[in-house]
Amino acid sequence: MPPNPDFRLPTHARRSTGGTKLGSIHLRRGQKSGSYQGIIPFERTAVVVIAILFSLLFIVSISLAFVGAAEEESYFKPILDEVVASSPGIVLLGEDVDVDVDEPSVGVRWSIIGCGEGNFLNGSEGMHGVLQCGVPAIPLDIYVDGAEDAAVKYDPDYLPWVGSTGQRRIIQNLYQFDSDHVLDVHEARLFPFDNYFLTSTLRAVNKDTGENVPIQKLATIELTSNFYIVSSDVESYVNITDGSTTTVPSREIDLKIRRPTDARTYTLALFHVNWMLAHVTLGQVYLAWKSPQIPLLKRLLSVFAILLIIPQLRNTMPDAPGFDGILLDSIGFFPQMILCSISGVVLMLMLIRREPTEPSSSPREVKPPVQEQDYAQVLSVPATPRTPAPEYSRSPPPSPLGAWGRPFSSLLTLKDELSRIKEEDARSSAVVPKSKHKSSHRQSRTFFEP
């Protein structure tokens, strides 16, 4: 019969014949090695190389988030354009907001800007990408939250310029100032879902004339590294007492501060991972109780490692406060550490309980290992001479020993003995007369049948 090229051996036969295995696909003999029913096989090395390439592609794709980030349009440009179009004048922009919950305080770095014709210094235009905005052309004193002393005394004469071009050099410390505000932290315990609210008022005074200058706009940045800030301002008035009460214009700003969405997501993810690790310690105790044959030392080391990992994960939470009893720690960190510690203590008690109670001074008796040949000699059935049976009566053969749980050599010995007995019975049956052979055969058959 000619060989069939499409014939395939079973799986165990293919493995035993030592055939070539490409990936996880076995090719038939009659087909090409390049493909199998449209499926191209891959070597394990090729799979590893493809995985590495995909990993590098993912890393490069994530790194592209930094490309062009500095070239984005300024956040304040639409605000300044609106001021130039609707109400030109003095604008204060909070270009940096530092929220310190532990202090607790909020620090804002303000920039003094003049927008519109005649309100900015020549040669300083183009701030934040707006050609109609620059540093103010008049000296100003800025007062914050009704303070008696000015937070900054701005004077445009201090700004230098380039002699060849006449362009003003913008020195940040000459037109920027800082203001500190007290922060209400009654929701700090709800981290990372804590929200804060701040209100402040500012007014500007012309240093040369002493007149109050209306502030047309107050705004701050929207996103910092730790907080998301929503600002809104409103025109207001304040009474100034200097011999007589005078109502002067001012500007109020409201800041609503909360955690960014990604910071909340990462914090909750770490919170859930810590609880999973704490549950793993409970599983280690349960497995140690149900499986006493596995060494307890490995389980104890894993619990000890989790005790060290949980505090580190807690500290990696974005802008996480100290261990001051916030809600996240009350339902997370503290119960997790208690649970892991109790699991470690239980495993230590189980380890002590399973230690041998024999005194260490008396050495244990070590028995020499029993060889398979010696064990077989002890359990093997000795060959006994067999006497010929009478002509009409047959004595039953000696019953074999029970072989359950015996070594393999004992089973072989018993098998040889039974084979030898059957051969002797066959030879003895051949010499019995025909008339008596059936009776003898019936007797032996009755004996061997169960």
Protein backbone atom coordinates (compact mmCIF):
# COMPACT_ATOMS: atom_id res chain seq x y z
CA MET A 1 0.00 0.00 0.00
CA PRO A 2 1.62 3.29 -1.03
CA PRO A 3 2.17 5.80 1.75
CA ASN A 4 -0.40 8.52 2.07
CA PRO A 5 1.27 11.96 2.17
CA ASP A 6 -1.66 13.48 4.11
CA PHE A 7 -1.55 10.82 6.79
CA ARG A 8 -1.00 12.34 10.25
CA LEU A 9 0.10 10.51 13.34
CA PRO A 10 -1.63 11.09 16.68
CA THR A 11 -0.24 13.76 18.94
CA HIS A 12 1.70 11.35 21.18
CA ALA A 13 3.13 9.55 18.16
CA ARG A 14 4.28 12.78 16.55
CA ARG A 15 6.04 13.77 19.73
CA SER A 16 7.71 10.38 20.11
CA THR A 17 9.01 10.35 16.55
CA GLY A 18 10.98 13.54 17.19
CA GLY A 19 9.37 15.51 14.34
CA THR A 20 10.14 19.17 13.84
CA LYS A 21 7.83 21.50 15.71
CA LEU A 22 7.37 25.02 14.40
CA GLY A 23 5.76 27.13 17.09
CA SER A 24 2.57 25.28 17.96
CA ILE A 25 1.66 24.04 14.42
CA HIS A 26 2.61 20.61 13.01
CA LEU A 27 2.97 20.54 9.23
CA ARG A 28 1.98 17.60 7.08
CA ARG A 29 4.57 15.91 4.95
CA GLY A 30 2.96 16.75 1.63
CA GLN A 31 2.62 20.48 2.31
CA LYS A 32 5.14 23.27 2.11
CA SER A 33 6.94 24.36 5.24
CA GLY A 34 6.10 28.03 4.65
CA SER A 35 2.40 27.97 5.59
CA TYR A 36 -0.33 25.65 6.79
CA GLN A 37 -3.86 26.36 5.55
CA GLY A 38 -3.08 30.08 5.35
CA ILE A 39 -1.41 30.20 8.82
CA ILE A 40 2.28 31.08 8.95
CA PRO A 41 4.10 29.33 11.83
CA PHE A 42 6.44 31.32 14.07
CA GLU A 43 9.47 30.24 16.01
CA ARG A 44 9.67 31.09 19.70
CA THR A 45 12.51 33.50 18.99
CA ALA A 46 10.35 35.35 16.47
CA VAL A 47 7.55 35.68 19.04
CA VAL A 48 9.98 37.17 21.58
CA VAL A 49 11.34 39.63 18.99
CA ILE A 50 7.82 40.74 18.05
CA ALA A 51 6.94 41.26 21.73
CA ILE A 52 10.05 43.42 22.20
CA LEU A 53 9.20 45.49 19.13
CA PHE A 54 5.66 46.10 20.36
CA SER A 55 7.05 47.12 23.77
CA LEU A 56 9.42 49.63 22.17
CA LEU A 57 6.62 50.97 19.98
CA PHE A 58 4.43 51.51 23.05
CA ILE A 59 7.22 53.34 24.90
CA VAL A 60 7.93 55.60 21.92
CA SER A 61 4.21 56.35 21.50
CA ILE A 62 3.88 57.37 25.14
CA SER A 63 6.98 59.55 24.88
CA LEU A 64 5.38 61.55 22.07
CA ALA A 65 3.19 63.24 24.69
CA PHE A 66 6.16 65.53 25.47
CA VAL A 67 6.61 66.56 21.84
CA GLY A 68 5.09 69.97 21.16
CA ALA A 69 3.88 70.47 24.74
CA ALA A 70 5.87 73.71 25.08
CA GLU A 71 4.50 75.05 21.77
CA GLU A 72 0.89 75.06 22.88
CA GLU A 73 -0.98 78.36 22.96
CA SER A 74 -0.86 80.20 26.26
CA TYR A 75 -3.81 79.60 28.54
CA PHE A 76 -4.13 83.35 29.15
CA LYS A 77 -4.20 84.41 25.49
CA PRO A 78 -8.01 84.10 25.04
CA ILE A 79 -8.52 85.97 28.31
CA LEU A 80 -6.29 88.86 27.26
CA ASP A 81 -7.87 89.02 23.82
CA GLU A 82 -11.27 89.42 25.45
CA VAL A 83 -9.97 92.20 27.69
CA VAL A 84 -8.44 94.06 24.73
CA ALA A 85 -11.71 93.80 22.80
CA SER A 86 -14.15 94.69 25.61
CA SER A 87 -12.53 96.61 28.49
CA PRO A 88 -8.84 97.60 28.17
CA GLY A 89 -6.97 98.34 31.37
CA ILE A 90 -4.95 96.68 34.15
CA VAL A 91 -5.03 92.89 34.39
CA LEU A 92 -3.60 90.64 37.11
CA LEU A 93 -2.80 87.06 36.07
CA GLY A 94 -1.98 84.34 38.59
CA GLU A 95 0.67 82.44 36.64
CA ASP A 96 1.50 80.12 39.52
CA VAL A 97 -0.66 78.76 42.33
CA ASP A 98 0.97 76.78 45.15
CA VAL A 99 -1.53 74.90 47.31
CA ASP A 100 -0.11 73.61 50.59
CA VAL A 101 -2.68 71.58 52.50
CA ASP A 102 -0.30 70.81 55.38
CA GLU A 103 0.49 74.50 56.00
CA PRO A 104 -2.43 75.22 55.13
CA SER A 105 -2.10 78.11 52.67
CA VAL A 106 -2.28 79.12 49.04
CA GLY A 107 0.45 81.14 47.39
CA VAL A 108 -0.27 82.98 44.13
CA ARG A 109 2.33 84.64 41.90
CA TRP A 110 0.66 87.57 40.15
CA SER A 111 1.81 89.30 36.96
CA ILE A 112 0.83 92.96 36.39
CA ILE A 113 -0.18 93.50 32.75
CA GLY A 114 -1.62 96.46 30.87
CA CYS A 115 -3.80 95.85 27.82
CA GLY A 116 -5.02 98.36 25.25
CA GLU A 117 -3.57 101.48 23.69
CA GLY A 118 -1.76 103.71 26.21
CA ASN A 119 -1.93 101.10 28.99
CA PHE A 120 1.32 99.22 28.28
CA LEU A 121 4.91 100.36 28.02
CA ASN A 122 6.32 100.75 24.53
CA GLY A 123 8.70 97.95 23.62
CA SER A 124 7.06 95.43 26.01
CA GLU A 125 4.12 94.36 23.85
CA GLY A 126 3.46 90.75 22.93
CA MET A 127 3.05 89.20 26.39
CA HIS A 128 1.35 85.78 26.21
CA GLY A 129 1.14 86.16 22.44
CA VAL A 130 -1.08 89.29 22.51
CA LEU A 131 0.39 92.32 20.72
CA GLN A 132 -1.83 94.78 22.59
CA CYS A 133 -0.62 93.68 26.05
CA GLY A 134 2.60 94.47 27.93
CA VAL A 135 3.85 95.73 31.26
CA PRO A 136 1.89 98.76 32.55
CA ALA A 137 3.05 102.22 31.57
CA ILE A 138 2.12 103.82 34.94
CA PRO A 139 3.54 103.10 38.42
CA LEU A 140 1.17 101.11 40.61
CA ASP A 141 0.77 100.00 44.20
CA ILE A 142 -1.18 96.72 44.64
CA TYR A 143 -3.01 96.01 47.90
CA VAL A 144 -4.21 92.48 48.77
CA ASP A 145 -7.10 91.64 51.13
CA GLY A 146 -7.33 95.14 52.63
CA ALA A 147 -3.74 95.29 53.86
CA GLU A 148 -2.41 98.70 54.90
CA ASP A 149 0.90 98.16 53.12
CA ALA A 150 1.16 97.48 49.42
CA ALA A 151 2.14 93.98 48.43
CA VAL A 152 4.20 95.39 45.54
CA LYS A 153 5.32 98.80 44.37
CA TYR A 154 5.65 98.66 40.62
CA ASP A 155 7.63 101.31 38.75
CA PRO A 156 8.14 101.02 34.95
CA ASP A 157 11.25 103.23 35.12
CA TYR A 158 13.16 100.32 36.67
CA LEU A 159 12.72 98.14 33.56
CA PRO A 160 15.83 98.22 31.33
CA TRP A 161 15.83 98.33 27.54
CA VAL A 162 18.21 97.41 24.74
CA GLY A 163 19.95 100.51 23.34
CA SER A 164 20.19 99.28 19.73
CA THR A 165 16.54 98.18 19.38
CA GLY A 166 14.75 99.99 22.20
CA GLN A 167 13.11 96.69 23.24
CA ARG A 168 12.25 96.45 26.92
CA ARG A 169 13.82 93.66 28.94
CA ILE A 170 11.10 91.94 30.96
CA ILE A 171 12.48 91.20 34.42
CA GLN A 172 10.02 88.96 36.27
CA ASN A 173 10.84 90.26 39.70
CA LEU A 174 10.07 93.84 38.62
CA TYR A 175 6.45 93.26 37.54
CA GLN A 176 5.51 90.09 39.47
CA PHE A 177 4.69 89.65 43.16
CA ASP A 178 3.49 86.93 45.54
CA SER A 179 0.48 86.86 47.80
CA ASP A 180 -0.24 84.30 50.53
CA HIS A 181 -3.76 83.36 51.57
CA VAL A 182 -5.17 81.23 54.37
CA LEU A 183 -6.82 78.03 53.15
CA ASP A 184 -9.86 76.39 54.70
CA VAL A 185 -9.03 72.68 55.02
CA HIS A 186 -12.13 71.26 56.69
CA GLU A 187 -12.42 68.74 53.79
CA ALA A 188 -8.78 67.64 53.88
CA ARG A 189 -9.81 64.36 55.54
CA LEU A 190 -11.62 63.32 52.32
CA PHE A 191 -8.40 62.94 50.30
CA PRO A 192 -8.33 62.41 47.30
CA PHE A 193 -11.84 63.88 47.02
CA ASP A 194 -11.02 66.98 49.07
CA ASN A 195 -12.18 70.36 47.73
CA TYR A 196 -11.09 73.83 48.82
CA PHE A 197 -12.46 77.31 48.30
CA LEU A 198 -10.62 80.63 48.50
CA THR A 199 -11.76 84.25 48.07
CA SER A 200 -9.44 87.24 47.77
CA THR A 201 -9.75 90.91 46.88
CA LEU A 202 -7.17 93.18 45.24
CA ARG A 203 -7.07 96.86 44.34
CA ALA A 204 -4.56 99.04 42.45
CA VAL A 205 -3.52 102.64 43.15
CA ASN A 206 -1.65 104.99 40.83
CA LYS A 207 1.50 105.89 42.74
CA ASP A 208 1.93 109.26 41.04
CA THR A 209 -1.62 110.57 41.42
CA GLY A 210 -2.91 108.44 44.32
CA GLU A 211 -6.05 107.58 42.40
CA ASN A 212 -7.50 104.06 42.42
CA VAL A 213 -7.16 102.29 39.11
CA PRO A 214 -9.87 99.73 38.22
CA ILE A 215 -8.64 96.19 37.69
CA GLN A 216 -10.37 94.78 34.64
CA LYS A 217 -9.60 91.09 35.10
CA LEU A 218 -8.29 88.59 37.65
CA ALA A 219 -7.45 85.06 36.48
CA THR A 220 -5.20 82.17 37.46
CA ILE A 221 -3.89 79.08 35.74
CA GLU A 222 -6.24 76.15 35.52
CA LEU A 223 -4.04 73.12 36.21
CA THR A 224 -1.05 72.63 38.48
CA SER A 225 0.91 69.47 39.18
CA ASN A 226 -1.36 68.51 42.09
CA PHE A 227 -4.60 70.49 41.79
CA TYR A 228 -7.22 71.62 39.32
CA ILE A 229 -8.24 75.26 39.84
CA VAL A 230 -11.35 77.05 38.59
CA SER A 231 -11.21 80.84 38.98
CA SER A 232 -13.94 83.45 38.62
CA ASP A 233 -13.76 87.17 39.33
CA VAL A 234 -16.26 89.91 39.98
CA GLU A 235 -16.11 93.70 40.24
CA SER A 236 -16.46 95.00 43.78
CA TYR A 237 -15.97 98.12 45.91
CA VAL A 238 -14.34 98.78 49.25
CA ASN A 239 -14.43 101.70 51.71
CA ILE A 240 -11.13 103.42 52.48
CA THR A 241 -10.92 105.57 55.62
CA ASP A 242 -8.32 108.37 55.41
CA GLY A 243 -9.82 111.18 57.43
CA SER A 244 -13.01 110.46 55.52
CA THR A 245 -14.63 107.32 54.13
CA THR A 246 -14.14 106.85 50.43
CA THR A 247 -15.56 104.09 48.25
CA VAL A 248 -12.97 102.84 45.78
CA PRO A 249 -13.17 100.09 43.13
CA SER A 250 -11.57 96.70 43.72
CA ARG A 251 -11.71 93.21 42.25
CA GLU A 252 -12.54 89.90 43.91
CA ILE A 253 -11.53 86.44 42.77
CA ASP A 254 -12.93 83.07 43.81
CA LEU A 255 -10.76 79.94 43.54
CA LYS A 256 -12.29 76.46 43.60
CA ILE A 257 -9.53 73.90 44.12
CA ARG A 258 -9.82 70.15 43.74
CA ARG A 259 -7.66 67.15 42.84
CA PRO A 260 -7.16 66.31 39.14
CA THR A 261 -8.99 63.27 37.77
CA ASP A 262 -5.82 61.35 36.97
CA ALA A 263 -4.48 61.90 40.51
CA ARG A 264 -7.72 60.53 41.96
CA THR A 265 -7.58 57.54 39.62
CA TYR A 266 -4.00 56.61 40.55
CA THR A 267 -4.72 57.05 44.25
CA LEU A 268 -7.73 54.73 44.15
CA ALA A 269 -5.79 52.18 42.07
CA LEU A 270 -3.02 52.05 44.70
CA PHE A 271 -5.66 51.86 47.43
CA HIS A 272 -7.21 48.79 45.76
CA VAL A 273 -3.82 47.14 45.20
CA ASN A 274 -3.00 47.50 48.90
CA TRP A 275 -6.25 45.77 49.84
CA MET A 276 -5.50 42.96 47.38
CA LEU A 277 -2.10 42.45 49.00
CA ALA A 278 -3.74 42.38 52.43
CA HIS A 279 -6.15 39.71 51.21
CA VAL A 280 -3.19 37.69 49.92
CA THR A 281 -1.91 37.39 53.50
CA LEU A 282 -5.27 35.93 54.55
CA GLY A 283 -4.97 33.44 51.69
CA GLN A 284 -1.50 32.45 52.90
CA VAL A 285 -2.89 31.65 56.36
CA TYR A 286 -5.73 29.59 54.86
CA LEU A 287 -3.39 27.62 52.58
CA ALA A 288 -0.98 27.01 55.45
CA TRP A 289 -3.86 25.61 57.50
CA LYS A 290 -5.16 23.37 54.68
CA SER A 291 -1.76 22.30 53.28
CA PRO A 292 0.55 21.51 56.20
CA GLN A 293 3.03 19.69 53.96
CA ILE A 294 4.23 22.94 52.35
CA PRO A 295 6.93 24.76 54.36
CA LEU A 296 5.61 27.69 56.36
CA LEU A 297 8.79 29.72 56.08
CA LYS A 298 8.06 30.74 52.47
CA ARG A 299 4.57 31.90 53.39
CA LEU A 300 5.91 33.84 56.35
CA LEU A 301 8.48 35.60 54.15
CA SER A 302 5.78 36.61 51.64
CA VAL A 303 3.66 38.15 54.43
CA PHE A 304 6.71 40.02 55.72
CA ALA A 305 7.39 41.36 52.20
CA ILE A 306 3.78 42.59 51.90
CA LEU A 307 4.15 44.39 55.23
CA LEU A 308 7.04 46.34 53.69
CA ILE A 309 5.36 46.95 50.32
CA ILE A 310 2.06 48.43 51.55
CA PRO A 311 3.62 51.54 53.23
CA GLN A 312 5.71 52.21 50.12
CA LEU A 313 2.64 52.09 47.89
CA ARG A 314 0.84 54.40 50.32
CA ASN A 315 3.66 56.94 50.05
CA THR A 316 3.59 56.85 46.23
CA MET A 317 0.05 58.26 46.09
CA PRO A 318 0.05 61.66 44.32
CA ASP A 319 0.56 64.46 46.88
CA ALA A 320 -0.44 62.11 49.68
CA PRO A 321 -0.71 63.76 53.13
CA GLY A 322 0.96 62.36 56.21
CA PHE A 323 -0.42 59.58 58.36
CA ASP A 324 -2.80 61.97 60.10
CA GLY A 325 -5.88 59.75 60.20
CA ILE A 326 -7.52 60.75 56.94
CA LEU A 327 -10.44 58.67 55.72
CA LEU A 328 -8.29 56.86 53.17
CA ASP A 329 -6.05 55.56 55.96
CA SER A 330 -8.92 54.81 58.34
CA ILE A 331 -10.50 52.41 55.84
CA GLY A 332 -7.28 51.42 54.10
CA PHE A 333 -3.74 51.69 55.40
CA PHE A 334 -4.30 51.09 59.12
CA PRO A 335 -6.66 48.07 58.71
CA GLN A 336 -4.35 46.66 56.05
CA MET A 337 -1.31 46.81 58.32
CA ILE A 338 -3.27 45.29 61.22
CA LEU A 339 -4.55 42.46 59.01
CA CYS A 340 -1.11 41.68 57.61
CA SER A 341 0.46 41.77 61.09
CA ILE A 342 -2.14 39.37 62.49
CA SER A 343 -1.57 37.01 59.54
CA GLY A 344 2.16 37.07 60.20
CA VAL A 345 1.64 36.31 63.91
CA VAL A 346 -0.67 33.38 63.10
CA LEU A 347 1.87 31.92 60.67
CA MET A 348 4.63 32.24 63.27
CA LEU A 349 2.50 30.41 65.84
CA MET A 350 1.78 27.65 63.32
CA LEU A 351 5.49 27.40 62.54
CA ILE A 352 6.34 27.06 66.24
CA ARG A 353 3.59 24.49 66.75
CA ARG A 354 4.90 22.28 63.93
CA GLU A 355 8.47 22.28 65.22
CA PRO A 356 9.61 18.84 66.50
CA THR A 357 9.42 18.45 70.30
CA GLU A 358 12.40 16.01 70.60
CA PRO A 359 15.34 17.31 72.63
CA SER A 360 18.16 18.60 70.50
CA SER A 361 20.81 16.87 72.64
CA SER A 362 19.82 13.33 71.59
CA PRO A 363 20.73 12.73 67.96
CA ARG A 364 18.06 11.23 65.78
CA GLU A 365 18.57 7.71 64.56
CA VAL A 366 19.10 7.73 60.84
CA LYS A 367 18.11 4.52 59.14
CA PRO A 368 20.07 3.48 56.09
CA PRO A 369 18.08 3.60 52.88
CA VAL A 370 16.65 0.28 51.76
CA GLN A 371 17.83 -0.76 48.33
CA GLU A 372 15.29 -1.99 45.84
CA GLN A 373 17.15 -5.27 45.37
CA ASP A 374 17.19 -6.04 49.09
CA TYR A 375 13.54 -5.17 49.42
CA ALA A 376 12.73 -7.42 46.50
CA GLN A 377 14.67 -10.28 48.08
CA VAL A 378 12.79 -9.92 51.31
CA LEU A 379 9.37 -9.84 49.65
CA SER A 380 9.99 -12.28 46.81
CA VAL A 381 8.30 -15.70 46.93
CA PRO A 382 10.89 -18.51 47.19
CA ALA A 383 10.71 -21.20 44.56
CA THR A 384 9.53 -24.41 46.31
CA PRO A 385 9.81 -27.84 44.66
CA ARG A 386 6.50 -29.13 43.44
CA THR A 387 5.52 -32.77 44.00
CA PRO A 388 3.59 -34.47 41.24
CA ALA A 389 -0.11 -34.63 41.93
CA PRO A 390 -1.95 -37.97 42.13
CA GLU A 391 -3.51 -39.30 39.00
CA TYR A 392 -7.08 -38.46 40.02
CA SER A 393 -6.54 -35.71 42.58
CA ARG A 394 -4.78 -32.41 42.09
CA SER A 395 -3.63 -30.30 44.99
CA PRO A 396 -4.17 -26.58 44.38
CA PRO A 397 -1.05 -24.49 43.73
CA PRO A 398 0.21 -22.34 46.53
CA SER A 399 -1.72 -19.12 46.69
CA PRO A 400 0.36 -16.09 45.62
CA LEU A 401 1.12 -13.37 48.10
CA GLY A 402 -0.82 -10.16 47.93
CA ALA A 403 1.19 -7.75 45.75
CA TRP A 404 -0.64 -4.46 46.47
CA GLY A 405 1.74 -1.75 47.52
CA ARG A 406 4.78 -3.94 46.74
CA PRO A 407 7.80 -2.85 44.69
CA PHE A 408 7.88 -3.58 41.01
CA SER A 409 10.53 -6.28 41.46
CA SER A 410 8.19 -8.24 43.80
CA LEU A 411 5.43 -8.12 41.19
CA LEU A 412 7.81 -9.52 38.56
CA THR A 413 8.84 -12.33 40.89
CA LEU A 414 5.23 -13.30 41.57
CA LYS A 415 4.46 -13.21 37.86
CA ASP A 416 7.37 -15.58 37.09
CA GLU A 417 6.22 -18.01 39.79
CA LEU A 418 2.67 -18.10 38.41
CA SER A 419 3.96 -18.64 34.87
CA ARG A 420 6.14 -21.55 36.00
CA ILE A 421 3.21 -23.18 37.85
CA LYS A 422 0.98 -22.91 34.77
CA GLU A 423 3.66 -24.56 32.58
CA GLU A 424 3.99 -27.48 35.02
CA ASP A 425 0.20 -27.93 35.07
CA ALA A 426 0.16 -28.03 31.26
CA ARG A 427 2.90 -30.70 31.16
CA SER A 428 1.19 -32.86 33.83
CA SER A 429 -2.14 -32.64 31.99
CA ALA A 430 -0.58 -33.97 28.80
CA VAL A 431 0.22 -37.44 30.35
CA VAL A 432 -3.21 -38.02 31.90
CA PRO A 433 -5.41 -40.59 30.02
CA LYS A 434 -8.12 -39.23 27.79
CA SER A 435 -10.97 -40.59 29.87
CA LYS A 436 -9.58 -38.97 32.97
CA HIS A 437 -8.24 -35.79 31.40
CA LYS A 438 -11.58 -33.99 31.44
CA SER A 439 -12.04 -34.69 35.12
CA SER A 440 -8.57 -33.43 35.92
CA HIS A 441 -9.04 -30.38 33.72
CA ARG A 442 -12.36 -29.66 35.41
CA GLN A 443 -10.70 -29.83 38.82
CA SER A 444 -7.89 -27.44 37.90
CA ARG A 445 -10.31 -25.08 36.20
CA THR A 446 -12.53 -25.05 39.26
CA PHE A 447 -9.53 -24.17 41.38
CA PHE A 448 -8.30 -21.24 39.30
CA GLU A 449 -11.70 -19.74 38.64
CA PRO A 450 -12.77 -17.13 41.16
